[in-house]
C-alpha atoms as a PDB file:
ATOM      1  CA  MET A   1      23.362  -4.561  18.867  1.00  0.00           C
ATOM      2  CA  LYS A   2      20.248  -3.481  20.748  1.00  0.00           C
ATOM      3  CA  ASN A   3      16.977  -5.217  19.925  1.00  0.00           C
ATOM      4  CA  ILE A   4      14.357  -2.591  18.906  1.00  0.00           C
ATOM      5  CA  ARG A   5      10.838  -3.840  19.625  1.00  0.00           C
ATOM      6  CA  CYS A   6       8.548  -2.502  16.897  1.00  0.00           C
ATOM      7  CA  ALA A   7       4.773  -2.151  17.164  1.00  0.00           C
ATOM      8  CA  ILE A   8       2.658  -1.600  14.076  1.00  0.00           C
ATOM      9  CA  TYR A   9      -0.202   0.898  14.323  1.00  0.00           C
ATOM     10  CA  THR A  10      -2.849   1.078  11.586  1.00  0.00           C
ATOM     11  CA  ARG A  11      -5.800   3.455  11.226  1.00  0.00           C
ATOM     12  CA  LYS A  12      -8.433   4.257   8.625  1.00  0.00           C
ATOM     13  CA  SER A  13     -10.817   7.181   9.098  1.00  0.00           C
ATOM     14  CA  SER A  14     -13.896   5.658   7.515  1.00  0.00           C
ATOM     15  CA  GLU A  15     -15.466   2.229   7.820  1.00  0.00           C
ATOM     16  CA  GLU A  16     -15.834   2.029   4.043  1.00  0.00           C
ATOM     17  CA  GLY A  17     -14.197  -1.142   2.755  1.00  0.00           C
ATOM     18  CA  LEU A  18     -13.179  -2.479   6.171  1.00  0.00           C
ATOM     19  CA  ASP A  19     -15.423  -5.512   5.684  1.00  0.00           C
ATOM     20  CA  GLN A  20     -13.406  -6.610   2.643  1.00  0.00           C
ATOM     21  CA  GLU A  21     -11.094  -9.596   2.958  1.00  0.00           C
ATOM     22  CA  PHE A  22      -8.097  -7.340   2.183  1.00  0.00           C
ATOM     23  CA  ASN A  23      -8.598  -3.726   3.222  1.00  0.00           C
ATOM     24  CA  SER A  24      -6.603  -0.560   3.871  1.00  0.00           C
ATOM     25  CA  LEU A  25      -5.501  -1.733   7.316  1.00  0.00           C
ATOM     26  CA  HIS A  26      -4.098  -4.917   5.784  1.00  0.00           C
ATOM     27  CA  ALA A  27      -2.290  -2.911   3.082  1.00  0.00           C
ATOM     28  CA  GLN A  28      -0.732  -0.656   5.717  1.00  0.00           C
ATOM     29  CA  ARG A  29       0.345  -3.704   7.728  1.00  0.00           C
ATOM     30  CA  GLU A  30       2.001  -5.300   4.681  1.00  0.00           C
ATOM     31  CA  ALA A  31       4.014  -2.128   4.023  1.00  0.00           C
ATOM     32  CA  TYR A  32       5.132  -2.080   7.674  1.00  0.00           C
ATOM     33  CA  LEU A  33       6.165  -5.727   7.652  1.00  0.00           C
ATOM     34  CA  SER A  34       8.400  -5.146   4.631  1.00  0.00           C
ATOM     35  CA  TYR A  35       9.871  -2.017   6.177  1.00  0.00           C
ATOM     36  CA  ILE A  36      10.612  -3.704   9.506  1.00  0.00           C
ATOM     37  CA  ALA A  37      12.179  -6.664   7.681  1.00  0.00           C
ATOM     38  CA  SER A  38      14.444  -4.222   5.794  1.00  0.00           C
ATOM     39  CA  GLN A  39      15.654  -2.861   9.153  1.00  0.00           C
ATOM     40  CA  LYS A  40      16.418  -6.244  10.703  1.00  0.00           C
ATOM     41  CA  HIS A  41      20.157  -5.513  10.423  1.00  0.00           C
ATOM     42  CA  GLU A  42      19.521  -2.546  12.775  1.00  0.00           C
ATOM     43  CA  GLY A  43      18.002  -4.877  15.372  1.00  0.00           C
ATOM     44  CA  TRP A  44      14.342  -4.201  14.569  1.00  0.00           C
ATOM     45  CA  ALA A  45      11.972  -6.949  15.692  1.00  0.00           C
ATOM     46  CA  LEU A  46       8.213  -7.037  15.146  1.00  0.00           C
ATOM     47  CA  LEU A  47       5.992  -7.414  18.195  1.00  0.00           C
ATOM     48  CA  PRO A  48       3.078  -9.845  17.695  1.00  0.00           C
ATOM     49  CA  ASP A  49       0.287  -7.561  18.992  1.00  0.00           C
ATOM     50  CA  HIS A  50      -1.945  -5.749  16.515  1.00  0.00           C
ATOM     51  CA  TYR A  51      -2.857  -2.122  17.245  1.00  0.00           C
ATOM     52  CA  ASP A  52      -5.612  -1.208  14.786  1.00  0.00           C
ATOM     53  CA  ASP A  53      -8.325   1.448  14.645  1.00  0.00           C
ATOM     54  CA  GLY A  54     -10.711   1.111  11.726  1.00  0.00           C
ATOM     55  CA  GLY A  55     -13.362   3.740  11.061  1.00  0.00           C
ATOM     56  CA  ILE A  56     -11.996   6.279  13.559  1.00  0.00           C
ATOM     57  CA  SER A  57     -10.836   9.828  12.845  1.00  0.00           C
ATOM     58  CA  GLY A  58      -7.279  10.916  13.496  1.00  0.00           C
ATOM     59  CA  GLY A  59      -8.696  14.070  15.071  1.00  0.00           C
ATOM     60  CA  THR A  60      -8.924  12.383  18.475  1.00  0.00           C
ATOM     61  CA  LEU A  61      -6.568  10.297  20.589  1.00  0.00           C
ATOM     62  CA  GLU A  62      -9.532   8.407  22.069  1.00  0.00           C
ATOM     63  CA  ARG A  63      -9.046   5.283  19.959  1.00  0.00           C
ATOM     64  CA  ALA A  64      -8.954   1.828  21.537  1.00  0.00           C
ATOM     65  CA  GLY A  65      -6.013   0.522  19.496  1.00  0.00           C
ATOM     66  CA  LEU A  66      -3.939   3.665  20.038  1.00  0.00           C
ATOM     67  CA  GLN A  67      -4.688   3.765  23.770  1.00  0.00           C
ATOM     68  CA  ARG A  68      -3.646   0.125  24.159  1.00  0.00           C
ATOM     69  CA  LEU A  69      -0.447   0.856  22.214  1.00  0.00           C
ATOM     70  CA  LEU A  70       0.352   3.885  24.385  1.00  0.00           C
ATOM     71  CA  ARG A  71      -0.158   1.815  27.561  1.00  0.00           C
ATOM     72  CA  ASP A  72       2.333  -0.721  26.206  1.00  0.00           C
ATOM     73  CA  VAL A  73       4.764   2.120  25.409  1.00  0.00           C
ATOM     74  CA  ASP A  74       4.365   3.480  28.955  1.00  0.00           C
ATOM     75  CA  GLU A  75       5.048  -0.008  30.361  1.00  0.00           C
ATOM     76  CA  GLY A  76       8.287  -0.201  28.367  1.00  0.00           C
ATOM     77  CA  LEU A  77       7.080  -2.977  26.060  1.00  0.00           C
ATOM     78  CA  VAL A  78       7.505  -0.982  22.814  1.00  0.00           C
ATOM     79  CA  ASP A  79      10.606   0.850  21.572  1.00  0.00           C
ATOM     80  CA  GLN A  80       9.387   1.991  18.165  1.00  0.00           C
ATOM     81  CA  ILE A  81       5.928   2.662  16.715  1.00  0.00           C
ATOM     82  CA  VAL A  82       5.762   2.066  12.974  1.00  0.00           C
ATOM     83  CA  VAL A  83       3.110   4.000  11.015  1.00  0.00           C
ATOM     84  CA  TYR A  84       2.365   4.407   7.305  1.00  0.00           C
ATOM     85  CA  LYS A  85       2.178   8.186   7.551  1.00  0.00           C
ATOM     86  CA  ILE A  86       2.344  10.473  10.546  1.00  0.00           C
ATOM     87  CA  ASP A  87      -1.332  11.375  10.174  1.00  0.00           C
ATOM     88  CA  ARG A  88      -2.198   7.744  11.012  1.00  0.00           C
ATOM     89  CA  LEU A  89      -1.183   8.637  14.594  1.00  0.00           C
ATOM     90  CA  THR A  90      -2.945  11.997  14.714  1.00  0.00           C
ATOM     91  CA  ARG A  91      -4.058  14.941  12.605  1.00  0.00           C
ATOM     92  CA  SER A  92      -3.933  17.382  15.516  1.00  0.00           C
ATOM     93  CA  LEU A  93      -0.765  19.374  16.132  1.00  0.00           C
ATOM     94  CA  ALA A  94      -1.542  19.666  19.863  1.00  0.00           C
ATOM     95  CA  ASP A  95      -2.155  15.907  20.156  1.00  0.00           C
ATOM     96  CA  PHE A  96       1.006  15.220  18.185  1.00  0.00           C
ATOM     97  CA  ALA A  97       3.051  17.290  20.647  1.00  0.00           C
ATOM     98  CA  LYS A  98       1.525  15.271  23.522  1.00  0.00           C
ATOM     99  CA  LEU A  99       2.389  11.991  21.782  1.00  0.00           C
ATOM    100  CA  VAL A 100       6.006  13.015  21.137  1.00  0.00           C
ATOM    101  CA  GLU A 101       6.369  14.090  24.765  1.00  0.00           C
ATOM    102  CA  ARG A 102       4.921  10.790  25.968  1.00  0.00           C
ATOM    103  CA  LEU A 103       7.176   8.768  23.661  1.00  0.00           C
ATOM    104  CA  ASP A 104      10.228  10.765  24.771  1.00  0.00           C
ATOM    105  CA  ALA A 105       9.381  10.093  28.426  1.00  0.00           C
ATOM    106  CA  ALA A 106       9.226   6.351  27.692  1.00  0.00           C
ATOM    107  CA  GLU A 107      12.417   6.510  25.599  1.00  0.00           C
ATOM    108  CA  ALA A 108      10.410   5.315  22.597  1.00  0.00           C
ATOM    109  CA  SER A 109      10.016   6.804  19.143  1.00  0.00           C
ATOM    110  CA  PHE A 110       8.069   6.383  15.946  1.00  0.00           C
ATOM    111  CA  VAL A 111       8.900   6.018  12.308  1.00  0.00           C
ATOM    112  CA  SER A 112       6.799   6.666   9.226  1.00  0.00           C
ATOM    113  CA  VAL A 113       7.233   4.136   6.424  1.00  0.00           C
ATOM    114  CA  THR A 114       6.488   6.714   3.707  1.00  0.00           C
ATOM    115  CA  GLN A 115       7.991   9.865   5.251  1.00  0.00           C
ATOM    116  CA  SER A 116      11.592  10.187   6.337  1.00  0.00           C
ATOM    117  CA  PHE A 117      12.230  12.110   9.555  1.00  0.00           C
ATOM    118  CA  ASN A 118      15.063  12.449  11.987  1.00  0.00           C
ATOM    119  CA  THR A 119      13.457  13.749  15.178  1.00  0.00           C
ATOM    120  CA  SER A 120      16.787  13.834  16.991  1.00  0.00           C
ATOM    121  CA  THR A 121      17.673  17.146  15.290  1.00  0.00           C
ATOM    122  CA  SER A 122      16.015  20.531  15.629  1.00  0.00           C
ATOM    123  CA  ILE A 123      15.453  20.785  11.851  1.00  0.00           C
ATOM    124  CA  GLY A 124      13.893  17.312  11.857  1.00  0.00           C
ATOM    125  CA  ARG A 125      11.442  18.305  14.580  1.00  0.00           C
ATOM    126  CA  LEU A 126      10.648  21.571  12.765  1.00  0.00           C
ATOM    127  CA  THR A 127       9.922  19.688   9.538  1.00  0.00           C
ATOM    128  CA  LEU A 128       7.700  17.277  11.415  1.00  0.00           C
ATOM    129  CA  ASN A 129       5.766  20.116  13.073  1.00  0.00           C
ATOM    130  CA  VAL A 130       5.226  21.821   9.713  1.00  0.00           C
ATOM    131  CA  ARG A 131       3.856  18.573   8.261  1.00  0.00           C
ATOM    132  CA  MET A 132       1.572  18.128  11.256  1.00  0.00           C
ATOM    133  CA  SER A 133       0.303  21.694  10.846  1.00  0.00           C
ATOM    134  CA  PHE A 134      -0.688  20.834   7.272  1.00  0.00           C
ATOM    135  CA  ALA A 135      -2.368  17.599   8.398  1.00  0.00           C
ATOM    136  CA  GLN A 136      -4.434  19.546  10.941  1.00  0.00           C
ATOM    137  CA  PHE A 137      -5.264  22.187   8.303  1.00  0.00           C
ATOM    138  CA  GLU A 138      -6.422  19.449   5.904  1.00  0.00           C
ATOM    139  CA  ARG A 139      -8.681  17.940   8.597  1.00  0.00           C
ATOM    140  CA  GLU A 140     -10.218  21.358   9.368  1.00  0.00           C
ATOM    141  CA  VAL A 141     -10.803  22.173   5.672  1.00  0.00           C
ATOM    142  CA  THR A 142     -12.467  18.789   5.141  1.00  0.00           C
ATOM    143  CA  ALA A 143     -14.723  19.321   8.172  1.00  0.00           C
ATOM    144  CA  HIS A 144     -15.643  22.821   6.946  1.00  0.00           C
ATOM    145  CA  ALA A 145     -16.533  21.489   3.480  1.00  0.00           C
ATOM    146  CA  ALA A 146     -18.731  18.783   5.027  1.00  0.00           C
ATOM    147  CA  ASP A 147     -20.531  21.389   7.183  1.00  0.00           C
ATOM    148  CA  LYS A 148     -21.066  23.609   4.152  1.00  0.00           C
ATOM    149  CA  ALA A 149     -22.528  20.714   2.125  1.00  0.00           C
ATOM    150  CA  ALA A 150     -24.913  19.827   4.982  1.00  0.00           C
ATOM    151  CA  THR A 151     -26.114  23.453   5.178  1.00  0.00           C
ATOM    152  CA  LYS A 152     -26.803  23.476   1.415  1.00  0.00           C
ATOM    153  CA  ARG A 153     -28.830  20.255   1.703  1.00  0.00           C
ATOM    154  CA  LYS A 154     -30.892  21.743   4.546  1.00  0.00           C
ATOM    155  CA  LEU A 155     -31.558  24.926   2.569  1.00  0.00           C
ATOM    156  CA  ARG A 156     -32.681  22.926  -0.480  1.00  0.00           C
ATOM    157  CA  ALA A 157     -35.022  20.867   1.678  1.00  0.00           C
ATOM    158  CA  ALA A 158     -36.460  24.003   3.286  1.00  0.00           C
ATOM    159  CA  THR A 159     -37.125  25.716  -0.049  1.00  0.00           C
ATOM    160  CA  LYS A 160     -38.974  22.704  -1.494  1.00  0.00           C
ATOM    161  CA  SER A 161     -42.048  23.728   0.478  1.00  0.00           C
ATOM    162  CA  THR A 162     -42.241  27.124  -1.309  1.00  0.00           C
ATOM    163  CA  ARG A 163     -42.158  28.088  -4.971  1.00  0.00           C
ATOM    164  CA  ALA A 164     -38.636  29.230  -5.696  1.00  0.00           C
ATOM    165  CA  GLY A 165     -38.263  32.951  -5.243  1.00  0.00           C
ATOM    166  CA  THR A 166     -41.998  33.796  -4.957  1.00  0.00           C
ATOM    167  CA  GLY A 167     -42.554  33.298  -1.244  1.00  0.00           C
ATOM    168  CA  LYS A 168     -45.859  31.574  -2.142  1.00  0.00           C
ATOM    169  CA  PRO A 169     -46.686  28.113  -0.859  1.00  0.00           C
ATOM    170  CA  GLY A 170     -45.471  25.275  -3.079  1.00  0.00           C
ATOM    171  CA  ASP A 171     -47.537  22.478  -4.558  1.00  0.00           C
ATOM    172  CA  ASN A 172     -47.045  20.326  -1.490  1.00  0.00           C
ATOM    173  CA  TYR A 173     -48.424  22.977   0.862  1.00  0.00           C
ATOM    174  CA  GLN A 174     -51.414  21.740   2.864  1.00  0.00           C
ATOM    175  CA  HIS A 175     -54.274  24.266   3.097  1.00  0.00           C
ATOM    176  CA  GLY A 176     -56.593  23.977   6.007  1.00  0.00           C
ATOM    177  CA  PRO A 177     -56.746  24.324   9.789  1.00  0.00           C
ATOM    178  CA  LEU A 178     -53.598  23.910  11.829  1.00  0.00           C
ATOM    179  CA  GLY A 179     -53.323  21.184  14.367  1.00  0.00           C
END
């Protein structure tokens, strides 16, 4: 039986809660450890290195932990990347395609603890691409909502200096010479 060297990758988009003794990255890691242990009969073995990115969006591949992991994959040190969900790796369909290509070139793969995929079949790859399209859509909708909220805040701040709807200076308007 072939020994499959497994690397755990964890990511959390925001820094909120990362300073806690037990945080989201730890919870992800615990789930991975159990999953890898359940696959021991298949030859899975956990690598000791930690590949973590806390407080970094999945919308970019420029993450220190991920880059270090990919270098180890390229060097043939990792056979399998274990993630909680696929969107822990990336939320960009284009970036996902690049990652799959890079893993294929290194004869490595990835597995999601909470999502079952068989990327060796065409239907498995199609299903994965559909899921990644939804992950990218979710990221774009969230970004749009955040932009919209920021615009509303700016408009409210701008209208505080005038009386609502009258176009006349508000109570905090300073009369007098400019300058």
